[in-house]
PDB file of N, CA and C in Angstrom:
ATOM      1  N   UNK A   1       0.589  -1.181  -0.253  1.00  0.00           N
ATOM      2  CA  UNK A   1      -0.126  -0.043   0.041  1.00  0.00           C
ATOM      3  C   UNK A   1       0.873   1.404  -0.180  1.00  0.00           C
ATOM      4  N   UNK A   2       0.463   2.265  -0.291  1.00  0.00           N
ATOM      5  CA  UNK A   2       1.069   3.700  -0.403  1.00  0.00           C
ATOM      6  C   UNK A   2       1.233   4.117   0.968  1.00  0.00           C
ATOM      7  N   UNK A   3       2.550   4.680   1.270  1.00  0.00           N
ATOM      8  CA  UNK A   3       2.419   5.319   2.606  1.00  0.00           C
ATOM      9  C   UNK A   3       1.481   6.215   2.958  1.00  0.00           C
ATOM     10  N   UNK A   4       1.081   6.614   4.155  1.00  0.00           N
ATOM     11  CA  UNK A   4      -0.197   7.412   4.607  1.00  0.00           C
ATOM     12  C   UNK A   4       0.001   8.831   4.063  1.00  0.00           C
ATOM     13  N   UNK A   5       1.510   9.178   4.085  1.00  0.00           N
ATOM     14  CA  UNK A   5       1.438  10.668   4.002  1.00  0.00           C
ATOM     15  C   UNK A   5       1.302  10.697   2.579  1.00  0.00           C
ATOM     16  N   UNK A   6       2.002   9.770   1.579  1.00  0.00           N
ATOM     17  CA  UNK A   6       1.807  10.049   0.098  1.00  0.00           C
ATOM     18  C   UNK A   6       0.250   9.935  -0.298  1.00  0.00           C
ATOM     19  N   UNK A   7      -0.605   9.174   0.508  1.00  0.00           N
ATOM     20  CA  UNK A   7      -2.088   9.214   0.327  1.00  0.00           C
ATOM     21  C   UNK A   7      -2.675  10.322   0.654  1.00  0.00           C
ATOM     22  N   UNK A   8      -2.596  10.898   1.800  1.00  0.00           N
ATOM     23  CA  UNK A   8      -3.123  11.931   2.137  1.00  0.00           C
ATOM     24  C   UNK A   8      -2.788  13.104   1.278  1.00  0.00           C
ATOM     25  N   UNK A   9      -1.362  13.335   0.869  1.00  0.00           N
ATOM     26  CA  UNK A   9      -1.219  14.480   0.156  1.00  0.00           C
ATOM     27  C   UNK A   9      -1.666  14.320  -1.382  1.00  0.00           C
ATOM     28  N   UNK A  10      -1.868  12.970  -1.711  1.00  0.00           N
ATOM     29  CA  UNK A  10      -2.419  12.662  -3.190  1.00  0.00           C
ATOM     30  C   UNK A  10      -4.126  13.118  -3.250  1.00  0.00           C
ATOM     31  N   UNK A  11      -4.682  12.868  -1.936  1.00  0.00           N
ATOM     32  CA  UNK A  11      -6.256  12.824  -1.816  1.00  0.00           C
ATOM     33  C   UNK A  11      -6.330  14.267  -1.882  1.00  0.00           C
ATOM     34  N   UNK A  12      -5.438  15.210  -1.064  1.00  0.00           N
ATOM     35  CA  UNK A  12      -5.481  16.610  -1.280  1.00  0.00           C
ATOM     36  C   UNK A  12      -5.443  17.388  -2.279  1.00  0.00           C
ATOM     37  N   UNK A  13      -4.535  16.796  -3.238  1.00  0.00           N
ATOM     38  CA  UNK A  13      -4.229  17.278  -4.634  1.00  0.00           C
ATOM     39  C   UNK A  13      -5.284  17.199  -5.238  1.00  0.00           C
ATOM     40  N   UNK A  14      -5.909  16.059  -5.392  1.00  0.00           N
ATOM     41  CA  UNK A  14      -7.167  15.333  -5.981  1.00  0.00           C
ATOM     42  C   UNK A  14      -8.260  16.368  -5.661  1.00  0.00           C
ATOM     43  N   UNK A  15      -8.384  16.723  -4.492  1.00  0.00           N
ATOM     44  CA  UNK A  15      -9.401  17.561  -3.898  1.00  0.00           C
ATOM     45  C   UNK A  15      -9.170  19.056  -4.335  1.00  0.00           C
ATOM     46  N   UNK A  16      -8.045  19.479  -4.517  1.00  0.00           N
ATOM     47  CA  UNK A  16      -7.765  20.991  -4.959  1.00  0.00           C
ATOM     48  C   UNK A  16      -8.042  21.123  -6.640  1.00  0.00           C
ATOM     49  N   UNK A  17      -7.316  20.200  -7.237  1.00  0.00           N
ATOM     50  CA  UNK A  17      -7.431  20.024  -8.697  1.00  0.00           C
ATOM     51  C   UNK A  17      -9.002  19.824  -9.071  1.00  0.00           C
ATOM     52  N   UNK A  18      -9.651  18.832  -8.937  1.00  0.00           N
ATOM     53  CA  UNK A  18     -10.776  18.207  -9.195  1.00  0.00           C
ATOM     54  C   UNK A  18     -12.009  18.657  -8.204  1.00  0.00           C
ATOM     55  N   UNK A  19     -11.704  19.169  -7.054  1.00  0.00           N
ATOM     56  CA  UNK A  19     -12.879  19.484  -6.012  1.00  0.00           C
ATOM     57  C   UNK A  19     -13.537  18.274  -5.416  1.00  0.00           C
ATOM     58  N   UNK A  20     -12.974  17.104  -5.607  1.00  0.00           N
ATOM     59  CA  UNK A  20     -13.506  16.040  -4.908  1.00  0.00           C
ATOM     60  C   UNK A  20     -12.203  15.169  -4.777  1.00  0.00           C
ATOM     61  N   UNK A  21     -12.637  14.107  -3.655  1.00  0.00           N
ATOM     62  CA  UNK A  21     -11.562  12.907  -3.103  1.00  0.00           C
ATOM     63  C   UNK A  21     -11.554  12.094  -4.308  1.00  0.00           C
ATOM     64  N   UNK A  22     -10.378  11.356  -4.541  1.00  0.00           N
ATOM     65  CA  UNK A  22     -10.385  10.338  -5.609  1.00  0.00           C
ATOM     66  C   UNK A  22     -11.319   9.165  -5.137  1.00  0.00           C
ATOM     67  N   UNK A  23     -11.871   8.369  -5.838  1.00  0.00           N
ATOM     68  CA  UNK A  23     -12.714   7.212  -5.453  1.00  0.00           C
ATOM     69  C   UNK A  23     -11.683   6.344  -5.210  1.00  0.00           C
ATOM     70  N   UNK A  24     -12.032   5.508  -3.960  1.00  0.00           N
ATOM     71  CA  UNK A  24     -11.082   4.256  -3.615  1.00  0.00           C
ATOM     72  C   UNK A  24     -10.684   3.248  -4.526  1.00  0.00           C
ATOM     73  N   UNK A  25     -11.368   3.137  -5.468  1.00  0.00           N
ATOM     74  CA  UNK A  25     -11.045   1.969  -6.299  1.00  0.00           C
ATOM     75  C   UNK A  25      -9.671   2.711  -7.095  1.00  0.00           C
ATOM     76  N   UNK A  26      -9.743   3.953  -7.514  1.00  0.00           N
ATOM     77  CA  UNK A  26      -8.622   4.550  -8.121  1.00  0.00           C
ATOM     78  C   UNK A  26      -7.250   4.598  -7.269  1.00  0.00           C
ATOM     79  N   UNK A  27      -7.460   4.684  -6.034  1.00  0.00           N
ATOM     80  CA  UNK A  27      -6.160   4.671  -5.127  1.00  0.00           C
ATOM     81  C   UNK A  27      -5.935   3.298  -5.097  1.00  0.00           C
ATOM     82  N   UNK A  28      -6.670   2.437  -4.930  1.00  0.00           N
ATOM     83  CA  UNK A  28      -6.419   0.883  -4.967  1.00  0.00           C
ATOM     84  C   UNK A  28      -5.424   0.704  -6.115  1.00  0.00           C
ATOM     85  N   UNK A  29      -5.897   0.935  -7.404  1.00  0.00           N
ATOM     86  CA  UNK A  29      -5.046   0.855  -8.608  1.00  0.00           C
ATOM     87  C   UNK A  29      -3.914   1.460  -8.653  1.00  0.00           C
ATOM     88  N   UNK A  30      -3.643   2.519  -8.268  1.00  0.00           N
ATOM     89  CA  UNK A  30      -2.626   3.334  -8.250  1.00  0.00           C
ATOM     90  C   UNK A  30      -1.495   2.674  -7.124  1.00  0.00           C
ATOM     91  N   UNK A  31      -2.077   2.322  -5.951  1.00  0.00           N
ATOM     92  CA  UNK A  31      -1.017   1.541  -4.977  1.00  0.00           C
ATOM     93  C   UNK A  31      -0.549   0.303  -5.516  1.00  0.00           C
ATOM     94  N   UNK A  32      -1.396  -0.350  -6.603  1.00  0.00           N
ATOM     95  CA  UNK A  32      -0.656  -1.492  -7.118  1.00  0.00           C
ATOM     96  C   UNK A  32       0.285  -1.357  -8.334  1.00  0.00           C
ATOM     97  N   UNK A  33       0.327  -0.229  -9.025  1.00  0.00           N
ATOM     98  CA  UNK A  33       0.943   0.431  -9.756  1.00  0.00           C
ATOM     99  C   UNK A  33       2.576   0.491  -9.230  1.00  0.00           C
ATOM    100  N   UNK A  34       3.196   0.360 -10.294  1.00  0.00           N
ATOM    101  CA  UNK A  34       4.860   0.546  -9.829  1.00  0.00           C
ATOM    102  C   UNK A  34       4.800   2.347 -10.084  1.00  0.00           C
ATOM    103  N   UNK A  35       5.749   2.592  -9.035  1.00  0.00           N
ATOM    104  CA  UNK A  35       6.207   4.149  -9.280  1.00  0.00           C
ATOM    105  C   UNK A  35       6.346   4.920 -10.257  1.00  0.00           C
ATOM    106  N   UNK A  36       6.844   4.195 -11.517  1.00  0.00           N
ATOM    107  CA  UNK A  36       7.158   5.046 -12.800  1.00  0.00           C
ATOM    108  C   UNK A  36       5.525   4.963 -13.415  1.00  0.00           C
ATOM    109  N   UNK A  37       4.869   4.114 -13.475  1.00  0.00           N
ATOM    110  CA  UNK A  37       3.473   4.057 -13.811  1.00  0.00           C
ATOM    111  C   UNK A  37       2.679   5.170 -13.512  1.00  0.00           C
ATOM    112  N   UNK A  38       2.744   5.244 -11.958  1.00  0.00           N
ATOM    113  CA  UNK A  38       2.022   6.144 -11.442  1.00  0.00           C
ATOM    114  C   UNK A  38       2.548   7.614 -11.787  1.00  0.00           C
ATOM    115  N   UNK A  39       3.713   7.908 -11.879  1.00  0.00           N
ATOM    116  CA  UNK A  39       4.135   9.074 -12.531  1.00  0.00           C
ATOM    117  C   UNK A  39       3.601   9.594 -13.988  1.00  0.00           C
ATOM    118  N   UNK A  40       3.230   8.553 -14.783  1.00  0.00           N
ATOM    119  CA  UNK A  40       3.104   8.634 -16.287  1.00  0.00           C
ATOM    120  C   UNK A  40       1.669   8.971 -16.030  1.00  0.00           C
ATOM    121  N   UNK A  41       1.065   8.398 -15.048  1.00  0.00           N
ATOM    122  CA  UNK A  41      -0.429   8.796 -15.032  1.00  0.00           C
ATOM    123  C   UNK A  41      -0.850  10.108 -14.744  1.00  0.00           C
ATOM    124  N   UNK A  42      -0.147  10.769 -13.573  1.00  0.00           N
ATOM    125  CA  UNK A  42      -0.448  11.842 -13.191  1.00  0.00           C
ATOM    126  C   UNK A  42      -0.127  13.471 -13.842  1.00  0.00           C
TER     127      UNK A  42
END
Protein backbone atom coordinates (compact mmCIF):
# COMPACT_ATOMS: atom_id res chain seq x y z
CA UNK A 1 0.00 0.00 0.00
CA UNK A 2 1.01 3.60 -0.40
CA UNK A 3 2.56 5.24 2.62
CA UNK A 4 -0.08 7.21 4.49
CA UNK A 5 1.52 10.60 3.87
CA UNK A 6 1.68 10.05 0.11
CA UNK A 7 -1.92 8.92 0.23
CA UNK A 8 -3.06 11.99 2.17
CA UNK A 9 -1.06 14.30 -0.09
CA UNK A 10 -2.55 12.72 -3.19
CA UNK A 11 -6.07 12.98 -1.80
CA UNK A 12 -5.55 16.65 -0.96
CA UNK A 13 -4.15 17.29 -4.45
CA UNK A 14 -7.14 15.59 -6.10
CA UNK A 15 -9.46 17.64 -3.90
CA UNK A 16 -7.73 20.86 -4.95
CA UNK A 17 -7.51 19.97 -8.65
CA UNK A 18 -10.89 18.35 -9.20
CA UNK A 19 -12.94 19.43 -6.20
CA UNK A 20 -13.48 15.93 -4.89
CA UNK A 21 -11.55 13.16 -3.25
CA UNK A 22 -10.42 10.33 -5.52
CA UNK A 23 -12.58 7.20 -5.53
CA UNK A 24 -11.22 4.36 -3.45
CA UNK A 25 -10.94 2.03 -6.46
CA UNK A 26 -8.63 4.49 -8.18
CA UNK A 27 -6.37 4.65 -5.15
CA UNK A 28 -6.21 0.88 -4.95
CA UNK A 29 -5.19 0.78 -8.63
CA UNK A 30 -2.52 3.44 -8.07
CA UNK A 31 -1.13 1.59 -5.07
CA UNK A 32 -0.81 -1.60 -7.17
CA UNK A 33 1.07 0.21 -9.92
CA UNK A 34 4.78 0.77 -9.92
CA UNK A 35 6.16 4.20 -9.15
CA UNK A 36 7.03 4.87 -12.81
CA UNK A 37 3.54 4.00 -14.00
CA UNK A 38 2.05 6.22 -11.33
CA UNK A 39 4.13 9.19 -12.46
CA UNK A 40 3.10 8.64 -16.08
CA UNK A 41 -0.53 8.66 -14.98
CA UNK A 42 -0.45 11.92 -13.08
